[in-house]
Amino acid sequence: MKLAVRLSVALRSHWQTIKDQEKDRGDISITTIIIWVAAVAGALVIAGTIGVVVTKYNGKLSGI
């Protein structure tokens, strides 16, 4: 009986810890947002540069 009570208390405590941690899962930090914005901006700059280079050398590339 004593073991069952201890097990019950331990399980309830562990369950409460899990429930408390679930509340923090949806938060997005500012650092994550900054990293995503920088990654998207970098991708746009690279795509724009490729577009400008292709447009500039379009006539020279057509013979390849």
PDB file of N, CA and C in Angstrom:
ATOM      1  N   MET A   1       0.824  -1.194   0.000  1.00  0.00           N
ATOM      2  CA  MET A   1       0.000   0.000   0.000  1.00  0.00           C
ATOM      3  C   MET A   1       0.870   1.259   0.000  1.00  0.00           C
ATOM      4  N   LYS A   2       1.935   1.212   0.800  1.00  0.00           N
ATOM      5  CA  LYS A   2       2.834   2.360   0.890  1.00  0.00           C
ATOM      6  C   LYS A   2       3.481   2.652  -0.467  1.00  0.00           C
ATOM      7  N   LEU A   3       3.864   1.591  -1.180  1.00  0.00           N
ATOM      8  CA  LEU A   3       4.470   1.739  -2.501  1.00  0.00           C
ATOM      9  C   LEU A   3       3.480   2.347  -3.494  1.00  0.00           C
ATOM     10  N   ALA A   4       2.224   1.938  -3.420  1.00  0.00           N
ATOM     11  CA  ALA A   4       1.195   2.476  -4.321  1.00  0.00           C
ATOM     12  C   ALA A   4       0.988   3.964  -4.081  1.00  0.00           C
ATOM     13  N   VAL A   5       1.013   4.399  -2.835  1.00  0.00           N
ATOM     14  CA  VAL A   5       0.842   5.822  -2.512  1.00  0.00           C
ATOM     15  C   VAL A   5       2.033   6.617  -3.022  1.00  0.00           C
ATOM     16  N   ARG A   6       3.237   6.105  -2.803  1.00  0.00           N
ATOM     17  CA  ARG A   6       4.439   6.799  -3.287  1.00  0.00           C
ATOM     18  C   ARG A   6       4.442   6.888  -4.809  1.00  0.00           C
ATOM     19  N   LEU A   7       4.055   5.810  -5.443  1.00  0.00           N
ATOM     20  CA  LEU A   7       3.999   5.791  -6.901  1.00  0.00           C
ATOM     21  C   LEU A   7       2.972   6.791  -7.417  1.00  0.00           C
ATOM     22  N   SER A   8       1.831   6.853  -6.754  1.00  0.00           N
ATOM     23  CA  SER A   8       0.784   7.792  -7.149  1.00  0.00           C
ATOM     24  C   SER A   8       1.254   9.229  -7.003  1.00  0.00           C
ATOM     25  N   VAL A   9       1.922   9.534  -5.905  1.00  0.00           N
ATOM     26  CA  VAL A   9       2.428  10.897  -5.679  1.00  0.00           C
ATOM     27  C   VAL A   9       3.498  11.240  -6.720  1.00  0.00           C
ATOM     28  N   ALA A  10       4.379  10.292  -6.995  1.00  0.00           N
ATOM     29  CA  ALA A  10       5.437  10.537  -7.973  1.00  0.00           C
ATOM     30  C   ALA A  10       4.853  10.763  -9.368  1.00  0.00           C
ATOM     31  N   LEU A  11       3.869   9.961  -9.739  1.00  0.00           N
ATOM     32  CA  LEU A  11       3.247  10.122 -11.060  1.00  0.00           C
ATOM     33  C   LEU A  11       2.522  11.449 -11.186  1.00  0.00           C
ATOM     34  N   ARG A  12       1.826  11.848 -10.131  1.00  0.00           N
ATOM     35  CA  ARG A  12       1.129  13.150 -10.165  1.00  0.00           C
ATOM     36  C   ARG A  12       2.126  14.299 -10.279  1.00  0.00           C
ATOM     37  N   SER A  13       3.226  14.195  -9.533  1.00  0.00           N
ATOM     38  CA  SER A  13       4.253  15.232  -9.594  1.00  0.00           C
ATOM     39  C   SER A  13       4.861  15.308 -10.987  1.00  0.00           C
ATOM     40  N   HIS A  14       5.170  14.157 -11.549  1.00  0.00           N
ATOM     41  CA  HIS A  14       5.740  14.123 -12.897  1.00  0.00           C
ATOM     42  C   HIS A  14       4.740  14.650 -13.922  1.00  0.00           C
ATOM     43  N   TRP A  15       3.489  14.288 -13.788  1.00  0.00           N
ATOM     44  CA  TRP A  15       2.449  14.758 -14.718  1.00  0.00           C
ATOM     45  C   TRP A  15       2.313  16.276 -14.640  1.00  0.00           C
ATOM     46  N   GLN A  16       2.393  16.831 -13.424  1.00  0.00           N
ATOM     47  CA  GLN A  16       2.290  18.283 -13.261  1.00  0.00           C
ATOM     48  C   GLN A  16       3.490  18.977 -13.905  1.00  0.00           C
ATOM     49  N   THR A  17       4.664  18.397 -13.784  1.00  0.00           N
ATOM     50  CA  THR A  17       5.857  18.959 -14.424  1.00  0.00           C
ATOM     51  C   THR A  17       5.697  18.978 -15.941  1.00  0.00           C
ATOM     52  N   ILE A  18       5.177  17.902 -16.495  1.00  0.00           N
ATOM     53  CA  ILE A  18       4.952  17.839 -17.940  1.00  0.00           C
ATOM     54  C   ILE A  18       3.931  18.889 -18.375  1.00  0.00           C
ATOM     55  N   LYS A  19       2.862  19.036 -17.624  1.00  0.00           N
ATOM     56  CA  LYS A  19       1.822  20.019 -17.967  1.00  0.00           C
ATOM     57  C   LYS A  19       2.374  21.443 -17.909  1.00  0.00           C
ATOM     58  N   ASP A  20       3.248  21.735 -16.928  1.00  0.00           N
ATOM     59  CA  ASP A  20       3.833  23.071 -16.806  1.00  0.00           C
ATOM     60  C   ASP A  20       4.776  23.369 -17.967  1.00  0.00           C
ATOM     61  N   GLN A  21       5.487  22.366 -18.457  1.00  0.00           N
ATOM     62  CA  GLN A  21       6.414  22.567 -19.564  1.00  0.00           C
ATOM     63  C   GLN A  21       5.683  22.783 -20.881  1.00  0.00           C
ATOM     64  N   GLU A  22       4.500  22.243 -21.042  1.00  0.00           N
ATOM     65  CA  GLU A  22       3.750  22.396 -22.293  1.00  0.00           C
ATOM     66  C   GLU A  22       3.352  23.844 -22.535  1.00  0.00           C
ATOM     67  N   LYS A  23       3.204  24.625 -21.491  1.00  0.00           N
ATOM     68  CA  LYS A  23       2.802  26.021 -21.646  1.00  0.00           C
ATOM     69  C   LYS A  23       3.885  26.843 -22.331  1.00  0.00           C
ATOM     70  N   ASP A  24       5.149  26.469 -22.180  1.00  0.00           N
ATOM     71  CA  ASP A  24       6.251  27.233 -22.739  1.00  0.00           C
ATOM     72  C   ASP A  24       6.577  26.852 -24.175  1.00  0.00           C
ATOM     73  N   ARG A  25       5.984  25.811 -24.687  1.00  0.00           N
ATOM     74  CA  ARG A  25       6.366  25.317 -26.010  1.00  0.00           C
ATOM     75  C   ARG A  25       5.985  26.265 -27.138  1.00  0.00           C
ATOM     76  N   GLY A  26       4.946  27.046 -27.022  1.00  0.00           N
ATOM     77  CA  GLY A  26       4.477  27.870 -28.124  1.00  0.00           C
ATOM     78  C   GLY A  26       5.169  29.204 -28.261  1.00  0.00           C
ATOM     79  N   ASP A  27       6.027  29.537 -27.341  1.00  0.00           N
ATOM     80  CA  ASP A  27       6.688  30.832 -27.386  1.00  0.00           C
ATOM     81  C   ASP A  27       7.788  30.844 -28.432  1.00  0.00           C
ATOM     82  N   ILE A  28       7.809  31.901 -29.249  1.00  0.00           N
ATOM     83  CA  ILE A  28       8.872  32.088 -30.230  1.00  0.00           C
ATOM     84  C   ILE A  28       9.729  33.243 -29.730  1.00  0.00           C
ATOM     85  N   SER A  29      11.007  33.001 -29.595  1.00  0.00           N
ATOM     86  CA  SER A  29      11.880  34.044 -29.076  1.00  0.00           C
ATOM     87  C   SER A  29      12.206  35.067 -30.153  1.00  0.00           C
ATOM     88  N   ILE A  30      12.621  36.229 -29.725  1.00  0.00           N
ATOM     89  CA  ILE A  30      13.009  37.302 -30.639  1.00  0.00           C
ATOM     90  C   ILE A  30      14.210  36.861 -31.473  1.00  0.00           C
ATOM     91  N   THR A  31      15.115  36.107 -30.874  1.00  0.00           N
ATOM     92  CA  THR A  31      16.292  35.631 -31.599  1.00  0.00           C
ATOM     93  C   THR A  31      15.890  34.775 -32.792  1.00  0.00           C
ATOM     94  N   THR A  32      14.912  33.916 -32.598  1.00  0.00           N
ATOM     95  CA  THR A  32      14.445  33.061 -33.691  1.00  0.00           C
ATOM     96  C   THR A  32      13.863  33.907 -34.820  1.00  0.00           C
ATOM     97  N   ILE A  33      13.099  34.918 -34.471  1.00  0.00           N
ATOM     98  CA  ILE A  33      12.504  35.802 -35.489  1.00  0.00           C
ATOM     99  C   ILE A  33      13.593  36.540 -36.255  1.00  0.00           C
ATOM    100  N   ILE A  34      14.609  37.031 -35.540  1.00  0.00           N
ATOM    101  CA  ILE A  34      15.710  37.746 -36.203  1.00  0.00           C
ATOM    102  C   ILE A  34      16.448  36.817 -37.154  1.00  0.00           C
ATOM    103  N   ILE A  35      16.690  35.593 -36.739  1.00  0.00           N
ATOM    104  CA  ILE A  35      17.386  34.632 -37.603  1.00  0.00           C
ATOM    105  C   ILE A  35      16.562  34.339 -38.858  1.00  0.00           C
ATOM    106  N   TRP A  36      15.248  34.148 -38.709  1.00  0.00           N
ATOM    107  CA  TRP A  36      14.389  33.876 -39.871  1.00  0.00           C
ATOM    108  C   TRP A  36      14.357  35.067 -40.822  1.00  0.00           C
ATOM    109  N   VAL A  37      14.252  36.270 -40.286  1.00  0.00           N
ATOM    110  CA  VAL A  37      14.224  37.468 -41.142  1.00  0.00           C
ATOM    111  C   VAL A  37      15.546  37.600 -41.894  1.00  0.00           C
ATOM    112  N   ALA A  38      16.656  37.368 -41.210  1.00  0.00           N
ATOM    113  CA  ALA A  38      17.961  37.459 -41.865  1.00  0.00           C
ATOM    114  C   ALA A  38      18.108  36.392 -42.947  1.00  0.00           C
ATOM    115  N   ALA A  39      17.620  35.183 -42.681  1.00  0.00           N
ATOM    116  CA  ALA A  39      17.718  34.114 -43.671  1.00  0.00           C
ATOM    117  C   ALA A  39      16.885  34.426 -44.911  1.00  0.00           C
ATOM    118  N   VAL A  40      15.681  34.931 -44.712  1.00  0.00           N
ATOM    119  CA  VAL A  40      14.818  35.276 -45.851  1.00  0.00           C
ATOM    120  C   VAL A  40      15.411  36.441 -46.633  1.00  0.00           C
ATOM    121  N   ALA A  41      15.924  37.448 -45.926  1.00  0.00           N
ATOM    122  CA  ALA A  41      16.535  38.589 -46.604  1.00  0.00           C
ATOM    123  C   ALA A  41      17.764  38.148 -47.400  1.00  0.00           C
ATOM    124  N   GLY A  42      18.572  37.274 -46.819  1.00  0.00           N
ATOM    125  CA  GLY A  42      19.744  36.763 -47.530  1.00  0.00           C
ATOM    126  C   GLY A  42      19.356  35.986 -48.766  1.00  0.00           C
ATOM    127  N   ALA A  43      18.319  35.174 -48.655  1.00  0.00           N
ATOM    128  CA  ALA A  43      17.853  34.410 -49.811  1.00  0.00           C
ATOM    129  C   ALA A  43      17.351  35.331 -50.913  1.00  0.00           C
ATOM    130  N   LEU A  44      16.651  36.392 -50.543  1.00  0.00           N
ATOM    131  CA  LEU A  44      16.160  37.348 -51.539  1.00  0.00           C
ATOM    132  C   LEU A  44      17.312  38.095 -52.216  1.00  0.00           C
ATOM    133  N   VAL A  45      18.324  38.447 -51.442  1.00  0.00           N
ATOM    134  CA  VAL A  45      19.487  39.130 -52.025  1.00  0.00           C
ATOM    135  C   VAL A  45      20.206  38.204 -53.009  1.00  0.00           C
ATOM    136  N   ILE A  46      20.388  36.960 -52.638  1.00  0.00           N
ATOM    137  CA  ILE A  46      21.055  36.005 -53.535  1.00  0.00           C
ATOM    138  C   ILE A  46      20.233  35.787 -54.802  1.00  0.00           C
ATOM    139  N   ALA A  47      18.915  35.625 -54.644  1.00  0.00           N
ATOM    140  CA  ALA A  47      18.058  35.424 -55.819  1.00  0.00           C
ATOM    141  C   ALA A  47      18.070  36.661 -56.712  1.00  0.00           C
ATOM    142  N   GLY A  48      18.059  37.829 -56.107  1.00  0.00           N
ATOM    143  CA  GLY A  48      18.110  39.065 -56.897  1.00  0.00           C
ATOM    144  C   GLY A  48      19.426  39.200 -57.650  1.00  0.00           C
ATOM    145  N   THR A  49      20.513  38.854 -56.994  1.00  0.00           N
ATOM    146  CA  THR A  49      21.822  38.916 -57.646  1.00  0.00           C
ATOM    147  C   THR A  49      21.899  37.951 -58.820  1.00  0.00           C
ATOM    148  N   ILE A  50      21.393  36.758 -58.623  1.00  0.00           N
ATOM    149  CA  ILE A  50      21.377  35.784 -59.724  1.00  0.00           C
ATOM    150  C   ILE A  50      20.524  36.310 -60.877  1.00  0.00           C
ATOM    151  N   GLY A  51      19.384  36.899 -60.552  1.00  0.00           N
ATOM    152  CA  GLY A  51      18.522  37.460 -61.592  1.00  0.00           C
ATOM    153  C   GLY A  51      19.203  38.573 -62.364  1.00  0.00           C
ATOM    154  N   VAL A  52      19.906  39.454 -61.672  1.00  0.00           N
ATOM    155  CA  VAL A  52      20.612  40.555 -62.342  1.00  0.00           C
ATOM    156  C   VAL A  52      21.719  40.011 -63.234  1.00  0.00           C
ATOM    157  N   VAL A  53      22.481  39.038 -62.755  1.00  0.00           N
ATOM    158  CA  VAL A  53      23.574  38.461 -63.549  1.00  0.00           C
ATOM    159  C   VAL A  53      23.029  37.752 -64.783  1.00  0.00           C
ATOM    160  N   VAL A  54      21.953  36.998 -64.621  1.00  0.00           N
ATOM    161  CA  VAL A  54      21.365  36.296 -65.765  1.00  0.00           C
ATOM    162  C   VAL A  54      20.839  37.295 -66.789  1.00  0.00           C
ATOM    163  N   THR A  55      20.198  38.376 -66.317  1.00  0.00           N
ATOM    164  CA  THR A  55      19.684  39.397 -67.230  1.00  0.00           C
ATOM    165  C   THR A  55      20.827  40.105 -67.966  1.00  0.00           C
ATOM    166  N   LYS A  56      21.891  40.393 -67.232  1.00  0.00           N
ATOM    167  CA  LYS A  56      23.026  41.115 -67.833  1.00  0.00           C
ATOM    168  C   LYS A  56      23.728  40.282 -68.901  1.00  0.00           C
ATOM    169  N   TYR A  57      23.914  39.009 -68.634  1.00  0.00           N
ATOM    170  CA  TYR A  57      24.651  38.149 -69.561  1.00  0.00           C
ATOM    171  C   TYR A  57      23.734  37.226 -70.359  1.00  0.00           C
ATOM    172  N   ASN A  58      22.478  37.593 -70.518  1.00  0.00           N
ATOM    173  CA  ASN A  58      21.519  36.743 -71.196  1.00  0.00           C
ATOM    174  C   ASN A  58      21.931  36.461 -72.658  1.00  0.00           C
ATOM    175  N   GLY A  59      22.371  37.474 -73.349  1.00  0.00           N
ATOM    176  CA  GLY A  59      22.767  37.289 -74.751  1.00  0.00           C
ATOM    177  C   GLY A  59      24.008  36.407 -74.881  1.00  0.00           C
ATOM    178  N   LYS A  60      24.932  36.526 -73.956  1.00  0.00           N
ATOM    179  CA  LYS A  60      26.160  35.755 -74.015  1.00  0.00           C
ATOM    180  C   LYS A  60      25.921  34.306 -73.586  1.00  0.00           C
ATOM    181  N   LEU A  61      24.909  34.078 -72.758  1.00  0.00           N
ATOM    182  CA  LEU A  61      24.628  32.731 -72.282  1.00  0.00           C
ATOM    183  C   LEU A  61      23.801  31.907 -73.275  1.00  0.00           C
ATOM    184  N   SER A  62      23.151  32.567 -74.221  1.00  0.00           N
ATOM    185  CA  SER A  62      22.273  31.844 -75.127  1.00  0.00           C
ATOM    186  C   SER A  62      23.033  30.916 -76.062  1.00  0.00           C
ATOM    187  N   GLY A  63      24.327  31.150 -76.287  1.00  0.00           N
ATOM    188  CA  GLY A  63      25.109  30.292 -77.173  1.00  0.00           C
ATOM    189  C   GLY A  63      25.639  29.040 -76.476  1.00  0.00           C
ATOM    190  N   ILE A  64      25.429  28.908 -75.188  1.00  0.00           N
ATOM    191  CA  ILE A  64      25.981  27.768 -74.452  1.00  0.00           C
ATOM    192  C   ILE A  64      25.162  26.524 -74.731  1.00  0.00           C
TER     193      ILE A  64
END
